[in-house]
Amino acid sequence: MTDDIRDDELDDELLDDLEPVGEKAEEQLYEHFRVVVDKGQNLVRVDKYLFERIVNASRNRIQTAADDGFVMANGKPVKSSYKVKPYDVITVMMDRPRYENEIIPEDIPLDIVYEDETLMVVNKPAGMVVHPGHGNYHGTLVNALAWHLKETPNYDANDPRLGLVHRIDKDTSGLLVIAKTPDAKTHLGNQFFHKTTKRKYRALVWGNVENDEGTIVGSIARNPKDRMQMAVTTDPEMGKHAVTHYRVLERIGYVSLVECVLETGRTHQIRVHMKHIGHVLFNDARYGGNEVLRGTRFNKYKQFVDNCFDTCPRQALHAMTLGFVHPVTGEEMNFHADMPADMTQVIDKWKTYISNRDIE
């Protein structure tokens, strides 16, 4: 995500499965976009040039594709800073065939927290992908919204000016806002961009967090050693500025329940920042939280932790509150979604375990 603005949040999810050209040199690439530059074209960065020509593609997504070697000029990979010249043949290549991802309405239940003629707020369950992408073309939140709004005048699920304003990861539960009109999406998107929205998350993390509260500042970029991960980086040209505020709500033996407030919104931000300070989210498989990271070596304890993993089979992260200004009425809107059963149950298990251990 870049600066919390609309399409970048969606597009990062679609980029999760991309692999750099350099690592797939012997595999076939597929052309997704092609253009021959006009003879009168002024010198301009290729990311800006493509952003103005590719429908529903954010500049951030284009820059990421270029950094990974998928943007080419005259058959050779170029970085996003490359200046296009007259008669250049600019192509965007991918490691998978082009998919005409028309959004098909699907009758999938929605937990609607609020709805009016302008917007919706939904409570997304863990396990639901937000937007169709590689390997996930059906069963997404967007497909469910297309069904729910199929009788709504002027709502086209395939129109990028409408729909999701931001996103959360597949295995994160919680609140999302959806725009029903172009003006609403622009207005709400600007609030995310200018960081005036209010978002609080609940996370169960490994370890006893030392400080009662704190702020994590660390630029985030894709992990060069594992393209499926993000990581904190010190390279100013690679990372995107990210800030997370946290507060410990409860210490439960070998885990802690924390509240996280996002000042920025980057891909996997809370997951990456909490790992950076040594407290990986509980059962976050992508970042190593699905191993026993704190506690004893006794088999009984390992069995207990495995049982907790079964109870909450995903990273223990929930988008609990969401606040913004209504784009039409100007009213302050604030929404709350209780933690889902899998998180409350696993927290209760930890409390019981620690209580019994203390008695012993």
Protein backbone atom coordinates (compact mmCIF):
# COMPACT_ATOMS: atom_id res chain seq x y z
CA MET A 1 0.00 0.00 0.00
CA THR A 2 1.15 3.47 -0.53
CA ASP A 3 -0.02 6.29 1.68
CA ASP A 4 -3.22 4.41 2.40
CA ILE A 5 -4.86 5.42 -0.86
CA ARG A 6 -7.46 3.34 -2.58
CA ASP A 7 -6.20 1.17 -5.44
CA ASP A 8 -2.72 0.63 -3.98
CA GLU A 9 -4.26 -1.32 -1.11
CA LEU A 10 -6.15 -3.57 -3.48
CA ASP A 11 -3.26 -4.05 -5.86
CA ASP A 12 -0.78 -5.17 -3.22
CA GLU A 13 -2.97 -8.22 -2.61
CA LEU A 14 -2.87 -9.04 -6.32
CA LEU A 15 0.92 -8.73 -6.30
CA ASP A 16 1.48 -11.17 -3.46
CA ASP A 17 2.00 -14.09 -5.84
CA LEU A 18 4.33 -12.41 -8.33
CA GLU A 19 7.90 -13.64 -8.68
CA PRO A 20 10.72 -11.47 -10.07
CA VAL A 21 11.72 -12.03 -13.69
CA GLY A 22 15.29 -12.75 -12.65
CA GLU A 23 14.18 -15.73 -10.62
CA LYS A 24 12.00 -17.07 -13.43
CA ALA A 25 14.23 -16.39 -16.40
CA GLU A 26 13.65 -19.80 -17.94
CA GLU A 27 9.89 -19.72 -17.52
CA GLN A 28 7.42 -18.27 -19.96
CA LEU A 29 6.16 -14.72 -19.46
CA TYR A 30 2.82 -13.48 -20.74
CA GLU A 31 2.06 -10.10 -22.22
CA HIS A 32 -0.63 -8.20 -20.30
CA PHE A 33 -0.22 -4.75 -21.86
CA ARG A 34 1.53 -3.34 -24.90
CA VAL A 35 1.87 0.16 -26.34
CA VAL A 36 4.09 1.87 -28.93
CA VAL A 37 5.06 5.34 -27.76
CA ASP A 38 3.93 8.21 -30.01
CA LYS A 39 6.56 10.03 -32.04
CA GLY A 40 5.81 13.30 -30.24
CA GLN A 41 6.04 11.91 -26.72
CA ASN A 42 8.11 13.96 -24.25
CA LEU A 43 10.51 12.14 -21.94
CA VAL A 44 8.54 10.86 -18.96
CA ARG A 45 9.01 8.16 -16.31
CA VAL A 46 7.62 4.83 -17.41
CA ASP A 47 5.59 4.39 -14.21
CA LYS A 48 3.83 7.73 -14.82
CA TYR A 49 3.36 6.90 -18.51
CA LEU A 50 1.73 3.53 -17.75
CA PHE A 51 -0.33 4.90 -14.86
CA GLU A 52 -2.05 7.23 -17.32
CA ARG A 53 -2.81 4.40 -19.74
CA ILE A 54 -3.62 1.23 -17.81
CA VAL A 55 -7.14 1.14 -16.42
CA ASN A 56 -7.47 0.26 -12.72
CA ALA A 57 -3.74 0.04 -12.05
CA SER A 58 -2.19 2.14 -9.30
CA ARG A 59 1.19 3.77 -9.72
CA ASN A 60 2.43 1.79 -6.74
CA ARG A 61 1.49 -1.48 -8.43
CA ILE A 62 3.26 -0.40 -11.63
CA GLN A 63 6.38 0.56 -9.68
CA THR A 64 6.40 -2.80 -7.90
CA ALA A 65 6.00 -4.62 -11.21
CA ALA A 66 8.91 -2.62 -12.65
CA ASP A 67 11.12 -3.32 -9.62
CA ASP A 68 10.39 -7.03 -10.07
CA GLY A 69 11.34 -6.93 -13.75
CA PHE A 70 7.89 -7.15 -15.32
CA VAL A 71 7.93 -3.78 -17.14
CA MET A 72 9.92 -3.80 -20.36
CA ALA A 73 11.06 -1.29 -22.94
CA ASN A 74 11.91 -2.79 -26.31
CA GLY A 75 12.04 -6.25 -24.80
CA LYS A 76 14.33 -5.46 -21.87
CA PRO A 77 13.30 -5.00 -18.21
CA VAL A 78 13.45 -1.40 -16.99
CA LYS A 79 13.03 0.26 -13.61
CA SER A 80 10.17 2.64 -12.86
CA SER A 81 12.50 5.62 -13.32
CA TYR A 82 13.16 4.73 -16.97
CA LYS A 83 12.26 7.62 -19.31
CA VAL A 84 10.13 6.53 -22.25
CA LYS A 85 11.14 7.83 -25.68
CA PRO A 86 9.28 8.14 -28.99
CA TYR A 87 8.70 4.78 -30.68
CA ASP A 88 9.62 2.76 -27.56
CA VAL A 89 7.65 -0.47 -27.32
CA ILE A 90 6.51 -0.65 -23.71
CA THR A 91 5.13 -3.97 -22.44
CA VAL A 92 3.99 -5.31 -19.10
CA MET A 93 4.78 -9.00 -18.79
CA MET A 94 3.58 -11.36 -16.06
CA ASP A 95 4.44 -14.89 -14.97
CA ARG A 96 0.89 -16.08 -15.62
CA PRO A 97 -1.59 -15.80 -18.50
CA ARG A 98 -3.81 -12.76 -18.64
CA TYR A 99 -7.07 -13.23 -16.80
CA GLU A 100 -10.06 -11.13 -17.79
CA ASN A 101 -11.13 -10.60 -14.20
CA GLU A 102 -14.70 -9.49 -14.63
CA ILE A 103 -16.34 -9.38 -11.22
CA ILE A 104 -19.09 -12.01 -11.15
CA PRO A 105 -21.82 -11.54 -8.49
CA GLU A 106 -21.85 -14.45 -6.04
CA ASP A 107 -24.41 -15.11 -3.34
CA ILE A 108 -22.07 -14.99 -0.34
CA PRO A 109 -23.36 -13.85 3.08
CA LEU A 110 -22.16 -10.46 4.29
CA ASP A 111 -21.97 -9.12 7.83
CA ILE A 112 -23.18 -5.58 7.11
CA VAL A 113 -22.49 -3.20 9.98
CA TYR A 114 -23.90 -0.10 8.25
CA GLU A 115 -25.34 0.84 4.87
CA ASP A 116 -26.87 3.89 3.23
CA GLU A 117 -27.14 5.20 -0.35
CA THR A 118 -23.50 6.34 -0.35
CA LEU A 119 -21.46 3.69 1.44
CA MET A 120 -21.35 0.40 3.33
CA VAL A 121 -19.31 -0.86 6.27
CA VAL A 122 -18.83 -4.63 6.48
CA ASN A 123 -17.21 -6.93 9.01
CA LYS A 124 -15.07 -9.31 6.93
CA PRO A 125 -14.50 -12.79 8.31
CA ALA A 126 -11.03 -14.30 8.43
CA GLY A 127 -10.31 -16.49 5.41
CA MET A 128 -12.12 -14.32 2.87
CA VAL A 129 -9.98 -12.71 0.19
CA VAL A 130 -10.89 -9.06 -0.33
CA HIS A 131 -10.39 -8.75 -4.10
CA PRO A 132 -10.04 -11.26 -6.98
CA GLY A 133 -6.46 -12.02 -7.84
CA HIS A 134 -4.11 -14.77 -8.92
CA GLY A 135 -5.57 -18.04 -7.61
CA ASN A 136 -8.56 -16.32 -6.01
CA TYR A 137 -11.02 -15.33 -8.74
CA HIS A 138 -14.15 -16.36 -6.86
CA GLY A 139 -15.52 -16.26 -3.34
CA THR A 140 -14.06 -12.85 -2.56
CA LEU A 141 -15.59 -9.93 -0.72
CA VAL A 142 -15.90 -8.05 -4.01
CA ASN A 143 -17.91 -10.92 -5.52
CA ALA A 144 -20.21 -10.83 -2.48
CA LEU A 145 -20.63 -7.06 -2.78
CA ALA A 146 -21.46 -7.41 -6.48
CA TRP A 147 -24.33 -9.74 -5.54
CA HIS A 148 -25.59 -7.59 -2.71
CA LEU A 149 -25.56 -4.43 -4.83
CA LYS A 150 -26.63 -5.94 -8.16
CA GLU A 151 -29.99 -4.15 -8.04
CA THR A 152 -28.47 -0.84 -6.96
CA PRO A 153 -28.76 1.77 -9.75
CA ASN A 154 -25.42 2.97 -11.16
CA TYR A 155 -23.38 0.45 -9.16
CA ASP A 156 -21.04 -1.52 -11.40
CA ALA A 157 -18.76 -3.92 -9.57
CA ASN A 158 -16.27 -3.69 -12.44
CA ASP A 159 -16.03 0.10 -12.22
CA PRO A 160 -12.78 1.01 -10.38
CA ARG A 161 -14.33 4.31 -9.28
CA LEU A 162 -16.61 2.35 -6.96
CA GLY A 163 -16.22 -0.29 -4.29
CA LEU A 164 -13.50 -1.01 -1.74
CA VAL A 165 -11.66 2.00 -0.41
CA HIS A 166 -9.02 0.04 1.51
CA ARG A 167 -8.22 -3.59 2.30
CA ILE A 168 -7.14 -6.03 4.95
CA ASP A 169 -5.37 -9.34 4.50
CA LYS A 170 -7.23 -12.57 3.76
CA ASP A 171 -6.72 -14.01 7.23
CA THR A 172 -7.34 -10.75 9.09
CA SER A 173 -10.91 -10.17 10.22
CA GLY A 174 -12.68 -6.87 10.71
CA LEU A 175 -14.09 -3.66 9.32
CA LEU A 176 -13.91 -2.31 5.77
CA VAL A 177 -15.70 0.61 4.11
CA ILE A 178 -17.14 0.38 0.58
CA ALA A 179 -18.07 3.35 -1.61
CA LYS A 180 -21.22 3.20 -3.75
CA THR A 181 -20.49 6.37 -5.73
CA PRO A 182 -17.36 7.80 -7.38
CA ASP A 183 -17.52 10.94 -5.23
CA ALA A 184 -17.73 8.83 -2.08
CA LYS A 185 -14.69 6.76 -3.08
CA THR A 186 -12.69 9.89 -3.85
CA HIS A 187 -13.70 11.55 -0.58
CA LEU A 188 -13.03 8.47 1.54
CA GLY A 189 -9.82 7.71 -0.31
CA ASN A 190 -8.53 11.19 0.48
CA GLN A 191 -9.24 10.61 4.16
CA PHE A 192 -7.10 7.47 4.10
CA PHE A 193 -4.42 9.32 2.13
CA HIS A 194 -4.30 12.19 4.61
CA LYS A 195 -4.42 9.79 7.59
CA THR A 196 -7.57 11.28 9.11
CA THR A 197 -9.37 7.95 9.42
CA LYS A 198 -9.37 6.18 12.79
CA ARG A 199 -8.44 2.50 12.83
CA LYS A 200 -7.69 0.27 15.77
CA TYR A 201 -6.72 -3.38 15.62
CA ARG A 202 -6.52 -6.12 18.23
CA ALA A 203 -3.61 -8.53 17.95
CA LEU A 204 -2.44 -11.46 20.01
CA VAL A 205 1.35 -11.62 19.83
CA TRP A 206 4.03 -13.95 21.09
CA GLY A 207 5.91 -12.83 24.20
CA ASN A 208 5.56 -10.44 27.10
CA VAL A 209 5.74 -7.00 25.46
CA GLU A 210 8.12 -5.02 27.66
CA ASN A 211 6.69 -1.52 27.32
CA ASP A 212 3.07 -0.71 28.13
CA GLU A 213 2.87 1.33 24.93
CA GLY A 214 5.09 2.51 22.13
CA THR A 215 5.48 3.59 18.52
CA ILE A 216 7.16 1.54 15.82
CA VAL A 217 8.68 3.55 12.96
CA GLY A 218 10.18 1.50 10.17
CA SER A 219 9.99 1.66 6.39
CA ILE A 220 8.49 -1.47 4.83
CA ALA A 221 9.48 -3.17 1.57
CA ARG A 222 9.30 -6.65 0.10
CA ASN A 223 11.73 -9.02 1.72
CA PRO A 224 14.48 -9.68 -0.86
CA LYS A 225 15.01 -13.15 0.64
CA ASP A 226 11.34 -14.11 0.52
CA ARG A 227 9.06 -12.35 -1.96
CA MET A 228 5.98 -13.53 -0.08
CA GLN A 229 7.01 -11.47 2.95
CA MET A 230 7.39 -7.81 3.71
CA ALA A 231 10.17 -6.55 5.99
CA VAL A 232 11.47 -3.42 7.69
CA THR A 233 14.26 -1.91 5.59
CA THR A 234 16.85 0.81 6.06
CA ASP A 235 17.11 1.45 2.32
CA PRO A 236 15.33 4.81 1.75
CA GLU A 237 14.80 4.04 -1.92
CA MET A 238 13.14 0.68 -1.32
CA GLY A 239 10.89 1.06 1.70
CA LYS A 240 7.71 3.01 2.31
CA HIS A 241 7.45 5.03 5.51
CA ALA A 242 5.30 3.23 8.09
CA VAL A 243 4.21 4.06 11.65
CA THR A 244 2.33 1.82 14.09
CA HIS A 245 1.31 2.82 17.61
CA TYR A 246 0.67 0.01 20.08
CA ARG A 247 -0.64 -0.39 23.62
CA VAL A 248 -0.58 -3.53 25.73
CA LEU A 249 -4.07 -4.47 26.88
CA GLU A 250 -3.23 -7.68 28.70
CA ARG A 251 -0.21 -9.87 29.36
CA ILE A 252 -1.15 -13.55 29.44
CA GLY A 253 1.97 -15.53 30.25
CA TYR A 254 3.77 -16.22 27.00
CA VAL A 255 1.50 -14.05 24.84
CA SER A 256 0.21 -10.46 24.97
CA LEU A 257 -2.98 -8.86 23.73
CA VAL A 258 -2.18 -5.51 22.14
CA GLU A 259 -4.10 -2.70 20.51
CA CYS A 260 -2.50 -1.31 17.35
CA VAL A 261 -3.32 2.03 15.77
CA LEU A 262 -2.22 2.62 12.19
CA GLU A 263 -0.81 5.97 11.23
CA THR A 264 0.04 4.64 7.78
CA GLY A 265 -1.30 1.61 5.93
CA ARG A 266 1.30 -0.64 4.34
CA THR A 267 1.07 -4.25 3.25
CA HIS A 268 1.24 -6.49 6.34
CA GLN A 269 2.19 -3.43 8.41
CA ILE A 270 1.16 -4.65 11.87
CA ARG A 271 2.47 -8.15 11.18
CA VAL A 272 5.84 -6.82 10.04
CA HIS A 273 6.21 -4.14 12.70
CA MET A 274 5.36 -6.46 15.60
CA LYS A 275 7.84 -9.03 14.29
CA HIS A 276 10.42 -6.25 14.01
CA ILE A 277 10.22 -5.61 17.78
CA GLY A 278 10.35 -9.32 18.55
CA HIS A 279 6.66 -10.11 18.96
CA VAL A 280 5.34 -12.06 15.98
CA LEU A 281 1.56 -12.35 15.74
CA PHE A 282 0.24 -15.59 17.19
CA ASN A 283 -0.15 -18.26 14.47
CA ASP A 284 1.03 -15.94 11.69
CA ALA A 285 2.39 -18.67 9.41
CA ARG A 286 3.96 -16.29 6.91
CA TYR A 287 6.12 -14.66 9.58
CA GLY A 288 6.89 -17.68 11.76
CA GLY A 289 4.20 -17.22 14.38
CA ASN A 290 2.90 -20.75 13.88
CA GLU A 291 5.79 -22.16 15.89
CA VAL A 292 6.25 -22.26 19.67
CA LEU A 293 8.20 -19.03 20.12
CA ARG A 294 7.87 -18.63 23.89
CA GLY A 295 7.35 -20.98 26.81
CA THR A 296 8.58 -24.38 27.93
CA ARG A 297 9.83 -27.43 26.06
CA PHE A 298 7.40 -29.85 27.70
CA ASN A 299 5.27 -31.95 25.34
CA LYS A 300 2.16 -31.02 27.31
CA TYR A 301 2.81 -27.34 26.64
CA LYS A 302 3.42 -27.95 22.93
CA GLN A 303 0.15 -29.87 22.74
CA PHE A 304 -1.60 -26.93 24.38
CA VAL A 305 -0.14 -24.48 21.85
CA ASP A 306 -1.06 -26.77 18.94
CA ASN A 307 -4.60 -26.84 20.29
CA CYS A 308 -4.57 -23.03 20.35
CA PHE A 309 -3.40 -23.00 16.72
CA ASP A 310 -6.33 -25.26 15.82
CA THR A 311 -8.72 -22.94 17.67
CA CYS A 312 -7.46 -19.85 15.83
CA PRO A 313 -6.07 -21.21 12.53
CA ARG A 314 -4.79 -17.86 11.22
CA GLN A 315 -2.87 -14.80 12.40
CA ALA A 316 -4.67 -13.43 15.46
CA LEU A 317 -5.44 -9.98 14.07
CA HIS A 318 -8.76 -8.14 13.96
CA ALA A 319 -9.67 -4.70 12.59
CA MET A 320 -11.88 -3.72 15.51
CA THR A 321 -12.74 -0.04 14.98
CA LEU A 322 -13.08 2.21 11.96
CA GLY A 323 -13.83 5.92 11.94
CA PHE A 324 -14.21 8.45 9.13
CA VAL A 325 -16.21 11.48 8.05
CA HIS A 326 -19.29 10.69 5.97
CA PRO A 327 -18.59 11.97 2.43
CA VAL A 328 -22.07 13.51 2.04
CA THR A 329 -23.34 14.50 5.48
CA GLY A 330 -19.98 15.42 7.03
CA GLU A 331 -20.93 13.40 10.12
CA GLU A 332 -18.26 11.64 12.16
CA MET A 333 -18.90 7.92 11.70
CA ASN A 334 -17.42 5.40 14.12
CA PHE A 335 -17.90 1.64 13.95
CA HIS A 336 -16.94 -1.28 16.18
CA ALA A 337 -16.77 -5.04 15.56
CA ASP A 338 -16.17 -7.37 18.50
CA MET A 339 -13.34 -9.84 18.24
CA PRO A 340 -14.49 -13.03 16.49
CA ALA A 341 -14.94 -16.29 18.36
CA ASP A 342 -11.65 -17.85 17.28
CA MET A 343 -9.63 -15.02 18.87
CA THR A 344 -11.71 -14.79 22.06
CA GLN A 345 -11.57 -18.55 22.51
CA VAL A 346 -7.80 -18.73 22.11
CA ILE A 347 -7.35 -15.86 24.57
CA ASP A 348 -9.57 -17.68 27.06
CA LYS A 349 -7.47 -20.82 26.60
CA TRP A 350 -4.30 -18.90 27.41
CA LYS A 351 -5.90 -17.36 30.50
CA THR A 352 -6.99 -20.77 31.74
CA TYR A 353 -3.58 -22.29 31.05
CA ILE A 354 -1.69 -19.52 32.85
CA SER A 355 -4.13 -19.57 35.77
CA ASN A 356 -3.71 -23.33 36.22
CA ARG A 357 0.06 -23.07 35.87
CA ASP A 358 0.20 -20.42 38.60
CA ILE A 359 -1.80 -22.71 40.92
CA GLU A 360 0.60 -25.55 40.25
